[in-house]
Amino acid sequence: MAENCYKQGLGCISKEQASRSCLRALLLCYSNLAATHMSLGRMRDAIEDCRLAAEIDQNFLKVQLRAA
């Protein structure tokens, strides 16, 4: 259920058209989606989510830790 909610949130905002505050929301959705994928044992999906989050903010510590 969490996976669907995060994906729905990601679908609401385009990275190209997002304001600074919306980019923060996208970052958090990708980060939380990565955590959800990790808890489901889907590590490749989690790494991809971390990669997408890092494109928004490469200094976001949670994404770095999850990717590691």
PDB file of N, CA and C in Angstrom:
ATOM      1  N   MET A   1       0.826  -1.182   0.000  1.00  0.00           N
ATOM      2  CA  MET A   1       0.000   0.000   0.000  1.00  0.00           C
ATOM      3  C   MET A   1       0.886   1.268   0.000  1.00  0.00           C
ATOM      4  N   ALA A   2       1.950   1.249   0.796  1.00  0.00           N
ATOM      5  CA  ALA A   2       2.850   2.410   0.842  1.00  0.00           C
ATOM      6  C   ALA A   2       3.481   2.655  -0.516  1.00  0.00           C
ATOM      7  N   GLU A   3       3.870   1.587  -1.181  1.00  0.00           N
ATOM      8  CA  GLU A   3       4.480   1.726  -2.506  1.00  0.00           C
ATOM      9  C   GLU A   3       3.540   2.463  -3.453  1.00  0.00           C
ATOM     10  N   ASN A   4       2.292   2.094  -3.462  1.00  0.00           N
ATOM     11  CA  ASN A   4       1.316   2.749  -4.336  1.00  0.00           C
ATOM     12  C   ASN A   4       1.141   4.225  -3.983  1.00  0.00           C
ATOM     13  N   CYS A   5       1.132   4.530  -2.705  1.00  0.00           N
ATOM     14  CA  CYS A   5       0.973   5.934  -2.287  1.00  0.00           C
ATOM     15  C   CYS A   5       2.159   6.778  -2.728  1.00  0.00           C
ATOM     16  N   TYR A   6       3.370   6.258  -2.550  1.00  0.00           N
ATOM     17  CA  TYR A   6       4.553   7.019  -2.966  1.00  0.00           C
ATOM     18  C   TYR A   6       4.593   7.184  -4.482  1.00  0.00           C
ATOM     19  N   LYS A   7       4.227   6.148  -5.215  1.00  0.00           N
ATOM     20  CA  LYS A   7       4.206   6.252  -6.674  1.00  0.00           C
ATOM     21  C   LYS A   7       3.151   7.248  -7.128  1.00  0.00           C
ATOM     22  N   GLN A   8       2.028   7.279  -6.448  1.00  0.00           N
ATOM     23  CA  GLN A   8       0.986   8.253  -6.776  1.00  0.00           C
ATOM     24  C   GLN A   8       1.499   9.673  -6.522  1.00  0.00           C
ATOM     25  N   GLY A   9       2.201   9.864  -5.429  1.00  0.00           N
ATOM     26  CA  GLY A   9       2.784  11.167  -5.131  1.00  0.00           C
ATOM     27  C   GLY A   9       3.799  11.587  -6.178  1.00  0.00           C
ATOM     28  N   LEU A  10       4.613  10.644  -6.636  1.00  0.00           N
ATOM     29  CA  LEU A  10       5.601  10.935  -7.675  1.00  0.00           C
ATOM     30  C   LEU A  10       4.937  11.301  -8.992  1.00  0.00           C
ATOM     31  N   GLY A  11       3.797  10.715  -9.254  1.00  0.00           N
ATOM     32  CA  GLY A  11       3.091  10.982 -10.498  1.00  0.00           C
ATOM     33  C   GLY A  11       2.413  12.343 -10.539  1.00  0.00           C
ATOM     34  N   CYS A  12       2.302  12.975  -9.392  1.00  0.00           N
ATOM     35  CA  CYS A  12       1.616  14.268  -9.317  1.00  0.00           C
ATOM     36  C   CYS A  12       2.486  15.445  -9.723  1.00  0.00           C
ATOM     37  N   ILE A  13       3.808  15.256  -9.679  1.00  0.00           N
ATOM     38  CA  ILE A  13       4.718  16.379  -9.903  1.00  0.00           C
ATOM     39  C   ILE A  13       5.768  15.990 -10.936  1.00  0.00           C
ATOM     40  N   SER A  14       5.937  16.832 -11.927  1.00  0.00           N
ATOM     41  CA  SER A  14       6.985  16.648 -12.920  1.00  0.00           C
ATOM     42  C   SER A  14       8.267  17.295 -12.415  1.00  0.00           C
ATOM     43  N   LYS A  15       9.397  16.601 -12.502  1.00  0.00           N
ATOM     44  CA  LYS A  15      10.671  17.180 -12.063  1.00  0.00           C
ATOM     45  C   LYS A  15      11.009  18.451 -12.837  1.00  0.00           C
ATOM     46  N   GLU A  16      10.656  18.481 -14.090  1.00  0.00           N
ATOM     47  CA  GLU A  16      10.981  19.628 -14.930  1.00  0.00           C
ATOM     48  C   GLU A  16      10.185  20.870 -14.545  1.00  0.00           C
ATOM     49  N   GLN A  17       8.981  20.685 -14.055  1.00  0.00           N
ATOM     50  CA  GLN A  17       8.098  21.808 -13.755  1.00  0.00           C
ATOM     51  C   GLN A  17       7.980  22.101 -12.263  1.00  0.00           C
ATOM     52  N   ALA A  18       8.699  21.378 -11.453  1.00  0.00           N
ATOM     53  CA  ALA A  18       8.537  21.487 -10.005  1.00  0.00           C
ATOM     54  C   ALA A  18       9.253  22.702  -9.441  1.00  0.00           C
ATOM     55  N   SER A  19       8.598  23.332  -8.492  1.00  0.00           N
ATOM     56  CA  SER A  19       9.238  24.418  -7.749  1.00  0.00           C
ATOM     57  C   SER A  19      10.183  23.796  -6.724  1.00  0.00           C
ATOM     58  N   ARG A  20      10.905  24.630  -6.037  1.00  0.00           N
ATOM     59  CA  ARG A  20      11.869  24.138  -5.045  1.00  0.00           C
ATOM     60  C   ARG A  20      11.186  23.297  -3.963  1.00  0.00           C
ATOM     61  N   SER A  21      10.045  23.745  -3.468  1.00  0.00           N
ATOM     62  CA  SER A  21       9.349  22.994  -2.423  1.00  0.00           C
ATOM     63  C   SER A  21       8.787  21.686  -2.956  1.00  0.00           C
ATOM     64  N   CYS A  22       8.374  21.679  -4.209  1.00  0.00           N
ATOM     65  CA  CYS A  22       7.869  20.443  -4.813  1.00  0.00           C
ATOM     66  C   CYS A  22       9.001  19.450  -5.052  1.00  0.00           C
ATOM     67  N   LEU A  23      10.188  19.960  -5.373  1.00  0.00           N
ATOM     68  CA  LEU A  23      11.337  19.071  -5.540  1.00  0.00           C
ATOM     69  C   LEU A  23      11.663  18.367  -4.224  1.00  0.00           C
ATOM     70  N   ARG A  24      11.498  19.066  -3.120  1.00  0.00           N
ATOM     71  CA  ARG A  24      11.711  18.452  -1.798  1.00  0.00           C
ATOM     72  C   ARG A  24      10.714  17.319  -1.587  1.00  0.00           C
ATOM     73  N   ALA A  25       9.471  17.523  -1.990  1.00  0.00           N
ATOM     74  CA  ALA A  25       8.453  16.471  -1.863  1.00  0.00           C
ATOM     75  C   ALA A  25       8.807  15.277  -2.735  1.00  0.00           C
ATOM     76  N   LEU A  26       9.282  15.523  -3.962  1.00  0.00           N
ATOM     77  CA  LEU A  26       9.712  14.430  -4.831  1.00  0.00           C
ATOM     78  C   LEU A  26      10.872  13.666  -4.208  1.00  0.00           C
ATOM     79  N   LEU A  27      11.819  14.387  -3.661  1.00  0.00           N
ATOM     80  CA  LEU A  27      12.972  13.775  -3.015  1.00  0.00           C
ATOM     81  C   LEU A  27      12.531  12.838  -1.895  1.00  0.00           C
ATOM     82  N   LEU A  28      11.617  13.311  -1.069  1.00  0.00           N
ATOM     83  CA  LEU A  28      11.131  12.495   0.040  1.00  0.00           C
ATOM     84  C   LEU A  28      10.343  11.285  -0.443  1.00  0.00           C
ATOM     85  N   CYS A  29       9.568  11.456  -1.504  1.00  0.00           N
ATOM     86  CA  CYS A  29       8.827  10.313  -2.055  1.00  0.00           C
ATOM     87  C   CYS A  29       9.784   9.245  -2.581  1.00  0.00           C
ATOM     88  N   TYR A  30      10.808   9.666  -3.338  1.00  0.00           N
ATOM     89  CA  TYR A  30      11.790   8.695  -3.837  1.00  0.00           C
ATOM     90  C   TYR A  30      12.522   8.011  -2.685  1.00  0.00           C
ATOM     91  N   SER A  31      12.897   8.773  -1.685  1.00  0.00           N
ATOM     92  CA  SER A  31      13.610   8.216  -0.542  1.00  0.00           C
ATOM     93  C   SER A  31      12.743   7.204   0.212  1.00  0.00           C
ATOM     94  N   ASN A  32      11.507   7.570   0.456  1.00  0.00           N
ATOM     95  CA  ASN A  32      10.601   6.660   1.171  1.00  0.00           C
ATOM     96  C   ASN A  32      10.223   5.456   0.320  1.00  0.00           C
ATOM     97  N   LEU A  33      10.122   5.650  -0.976  1.00  0.00           N
ATOM     98  CA  LEU A  33       9.856   4.524  -1.872  1.00  0.00           C
ATOM     99  C   LEU A  33      11.038   3.562  -1.835  1.00  0.00           C
ATOM    100  N   ALA A  34      12.249   4.091  -1.790  1.00  0.00           N
ATOM    101  CA  ALA A  34      13.441   3.236  -1.676  1.00  0.00           C
ATOM    102  C   ALA A  34      13.380   2.411  -0.395  1.00  0.00           C
ATOM    103  N   ALA A  35      13.005   3.036   0.704  1.00  0.00           N
ATOM    104  CA  ALA A  35      12.891   2.314   1.975  1.00  0.00           C
ATOM    105  C   ALA A  35      11.821   1.228   1.887  1.00  0.00           C
ATOM    106  N   THR A  36      10.729   1.532   1.240  1.00  0.00           N
ATOM    107  CA  THR A  36       9.659   0.541   1.059  1.00  0.00           C
ATOM    108  C   THR A  36      10.153  -0.629   0.228  1.00  0.00           C
ATOM    109  N   HIS A  37      10.844  -0.340  -0.869  1.00  0.00           N
ATOM    110  CA  HIS A  37      11.377  -1.410  -1.710  1.00  0.00           C
ATOM    111  C   HIS A  37      12.396  -2.256  -0.944  1.00  0.00           C
ATOM    112  N   MET A  38      13.201  -1.610  -0.112  1.00  0.00           N
ATOM    113  CA  MET A  38      14.164  -2.365   0.691  1.00  0.00           C
ATOM    114  C   MET A  38      13.451  -3.318   1.647  1.00  0.00           C
ATOM    115  N   SER A  39      12.393  -2.842   2.270  1.00  0.00           N
ATOM    116  CA  SER A  39      11.664  -3.692   3.219  1.00  0.00           C
ATOM    117  C   SER A  39      10.970  -4.856   2.521  1.00  0.00           C
ATOM    118  N   LEU A  40      10.703  -4.693   1.220  1.00  0.00           N
ATOM    119  CA  LEU A  40      10.093  -5.771   0.438  1.00  0.00           C
ATOM    120  C   LEU A  40      11.146  -6.673  -0.212  1.00  0.00           C
ATOM    121  N   GLY A  41      12.431  -6.361   0.022  1.00  0.00           N
ATOM    122  CA  GLY A  41      13.507  -7.165  -0.548  1.00  0.00           C
ATOM    123  C   GLY A  41      13.793  -6.862  -2.004  1.00  0.00           C
ATOM    124  N   ARG A  42      13.329  -5.740  -2.494  1.00  0.00           N
ATOM    125  CA  ARG A  42      13.511  -5.361  -3.904  1.00  0.00           C
ATOM    126  C   ARG A  42      14.626  -4.323  -4.000  1.00  0.00           C
ATOM    127  N   MET A  43      15.847  -4.809  -3.826  1.00  0.00           N
ATOM    128  CA  MET A  43      17.006  -3.924  -3.717  1.00  0.00           C
ATOM    129  C   MET A  43      17.319  -3.178  -5.014  1.00  0.00           C
ATOM    130  N   ARG A  44      17.135  -3.803  -6.155  1.00  0.00           N
ATOM    131  CA  ARG A  44      17.396  -3.105  -7.421  1.00  0.00           C
ATOM    132  C   ARG A  44      16.451  -1.920  -7.597  1.00  0.00           C
ATOM    133  N   ASP A  45      15.196  -2.117  -7.229  1.00  0.00           N
ATOM    134  CA  ASP A  45      14.233  -1.017  -7.293  1.00  0.00           C
ATOM    135  C   ASP A  45      14.631   0.090  -6.317  1.00  0.00           C
ATOM    136  N   ALA A  46      15.100  -0.307  -5.133  1.00  0.00           N
ATOM    137  CA  ALA A  46      15.513   0.668  -4.131  1.00  0.00           C
ATOM    138  C   ALA A  46      16.703   1.490  -4.621  1.00  0.00           C
ATOM    139  N   ILE A  47      17.660   0.833  -5.257  1.00  0.00           N
ATOM    140  CA  ILE A  47      18.826   1.548  -5.787  1.00  0.00           C
ATOM    141  C   ILE A  47      18.398   2.545  -6.862  1.00  0.00           C
ATOM    142  N   GLU A  48      17.470   2.153  -7.715  1.00  0.00           N
ATOM    143  CA  GLU A  48      16.974   3.062  -8.760  1.00  0.00           C
ATOM    144  C   GLU A  48      16.276   4.263  -8.132  1.00  0.00           C
ATOM    145  N   ASP A  49      15.496   4.036  -7.092  1.00  0.00           N
ATOM    146  CA  ASP A  49      14.834   5.144  -6.388  1.00  0.00           C
ATOM    147  C   ASP A  49      15.870   6.093  -5.790  1.00  0.00           C
ATOM    148  N   CYS A  50      16.924   5.532  -5.216  1.00  0.00           N
ATOM    149  CA  CYS A  50      17.995   6.354  -4.647  1.00  0.00           C
ATOM    150  C   CYS A  50      18.701   7.164  -5.735  1.00  0.00           C
ATOM    151  N   ARG A  51      18.914   6.560  -6.878  1.00  0.00           N
ATOM    152  CA  ARG A  51      19.552   7.262  -7.991  1.00  0.00           C
ATOM    153  C   ARG A  51      18.707   8.460  -8.417  1.00  0.00           C
ATOM    154  N   LEU A  52      17.403   8.246  -8.536  1.00  0.00           N
ATOM    155  CA  LEU A  52      16.501   9.327  -8.935  1.00  0.00           C
ATOM    156  C   LEU A  52      16.449  10.427  -7.879  1.00  0.00           C
ATOM    157  N   ALA A  53      16.476  10.042  -6.618  1.00  0.00           N
ATOM    158  CA  ALA A  53      16.487  11.038  -5.545  1.00  0.00           C
ATOM    159  C   ALA A  53      17.798  11.826  -5.566  1.00  0.00           C
ATOM    160  N   ALA A  54      18.902  11.151  -5.830  1.00  0.00           N
ATOM    161  CA  ALA A  54      20.204  11.816  -5.870  1.00  0.00           C
ATOM    162  C   ALA A  54      20.292  12.811  -7.023  1.00  0.00           C
ATOM    163  N   GLU A  55      19.536  12.590  -8.086  1.00  0.00           N
ATOM    164  CA  GLU A  55      19.486  13.567  -9.181  1.00  0.00           C
ATOM    165  C   GLU A  55      18.884  14.886  -8.708  1.00  0.00           C
ATOM    166  N   ILE A  56      18.018  14.813  -7.721  1.00  0.00           N
ATOM    167  CA  ILE A  56      17.388  16.013  -7.168  1.00  0.00           C
ATOM    168  C   ILE A  56      18.318  16.678  -6.156  1.00  0.00           C
ATOM    169  N   ASP A  57      18.880  15.878  -5.252  1.00  0.00           N
ATOM    170  CA  ASP A  57      19.794  16.417  -4.236  1.00  0.00           C
ATOM    171  C   ASP A  57      20.804  15.339  -3.861  1.00  0.00           C
ATOM    172  N   GLN A  58      21.998  15.448  -4.411  1.00  0.00           N
ATOM    173  CA  GLN A  58      23.018  14.424  -4.179  1.00  0.00           C
ATOM    174  C   GLN A  58      23.571  14.466  -2.752  1.00  0.00           C
ATOM    175  N   ASN A  59      23.252  15.485  -1.992  1.00  0.00           N
ATOM    176  CA  ASN A  59      23.739  15.607  -0.617  1.00  0.00           C
ATOM    177  C   ASN A  59      22.747  15.129   0.432  1.00  0.00           C
ATOM    178  N   PHE A  60      21.608  14.603   0.010  1.00  0.00           N
ATOM    179  CA  PHE A  60      20.593  14.128   0.949  1.00  0.00           C
ATOM    180  C   PHE A  60      21.087  12.840   1.605  1.00  0.00           C
ATOM    181  N   LEU A  61      21.372  12.907   2.898  1.00  0.00           N
ATOM    182  CA  LEU A  61      22.048  11.833   3.604  1.00  0.00           C
ATOM    183  C   LEU A  61      21.280  10.513   3.600  1.00  0.00           C
ATOM    184  N   LYS A  62      19.971  10.555   3.779  1.00  0.00           N
ATOM    185  CA  LYS A  62      19.195   9.315   3.810  1.00  0.00           C
ATOM    186  C   LYS A  62      19.339   8.525   2.514  1.00  0.00           C
ATOM    187  N   VAL A  63      19.359   9.228   1.393  1.00  0.00           N
ATOM    188  CA  VAL A  63      19.502   8.558   0.105  1.00  0.00           C
ATOM    189  C   VAL A  63      20.889   7.924  -0.002  1.00  0.00           C
ATOM    190  N   GLN A  64      21.895   8.629   0.447  1.00  0.00           N
ATOM    191  CA  GLN A  64      23.252   8.079   0.419  1.00  0.00           C
ATOM    192  C   GLN A  64      23.352   6.818   1.271  1.00  0.00           C
ATOM    193  N   LEU A  65      22.760   6.853   2.460  1.00  0.00           N
ATOM    194  CA  LEU A  65      22.797   5.693   3.332  1.00  0.00           C
ATOM    195  C   LEU A  65      22.015   4.520   2.767  1.00  0.00           C
ATOM    196  N   ARG A  66      20.859   4.793   2.208  1.00  0.00           N
ATOM    197  CA  ARG A  66      20.060   3.713   1.637  1.00  0.00           C
ATOM    198  C   ARG A  66      20.735   3.095   0.439  1.00  0.00           C
ATOM    199  N   ALA A  67      21.349   3.911  -0.374  1.00  0.00           N
ATOM    200  CA  ALA A  67      22.049   3.398  -1.554  1.00  0.00           C
ATOM    201  C   ALA A  67      23.253   2.546  -1.159  1.00  0.00           C
ATOM    202  N   ALA A  68      23.883   2.922  -0.054  1.00  0.00           N
ATOM    203  CA  ALA A  68      25.047   2.161   0.409  1.00  0.00           C
ATOM    204  C   ALA A  68      24.621   0.793   0.879  1.00  0.00           C
TER     205      ALA A  68
END
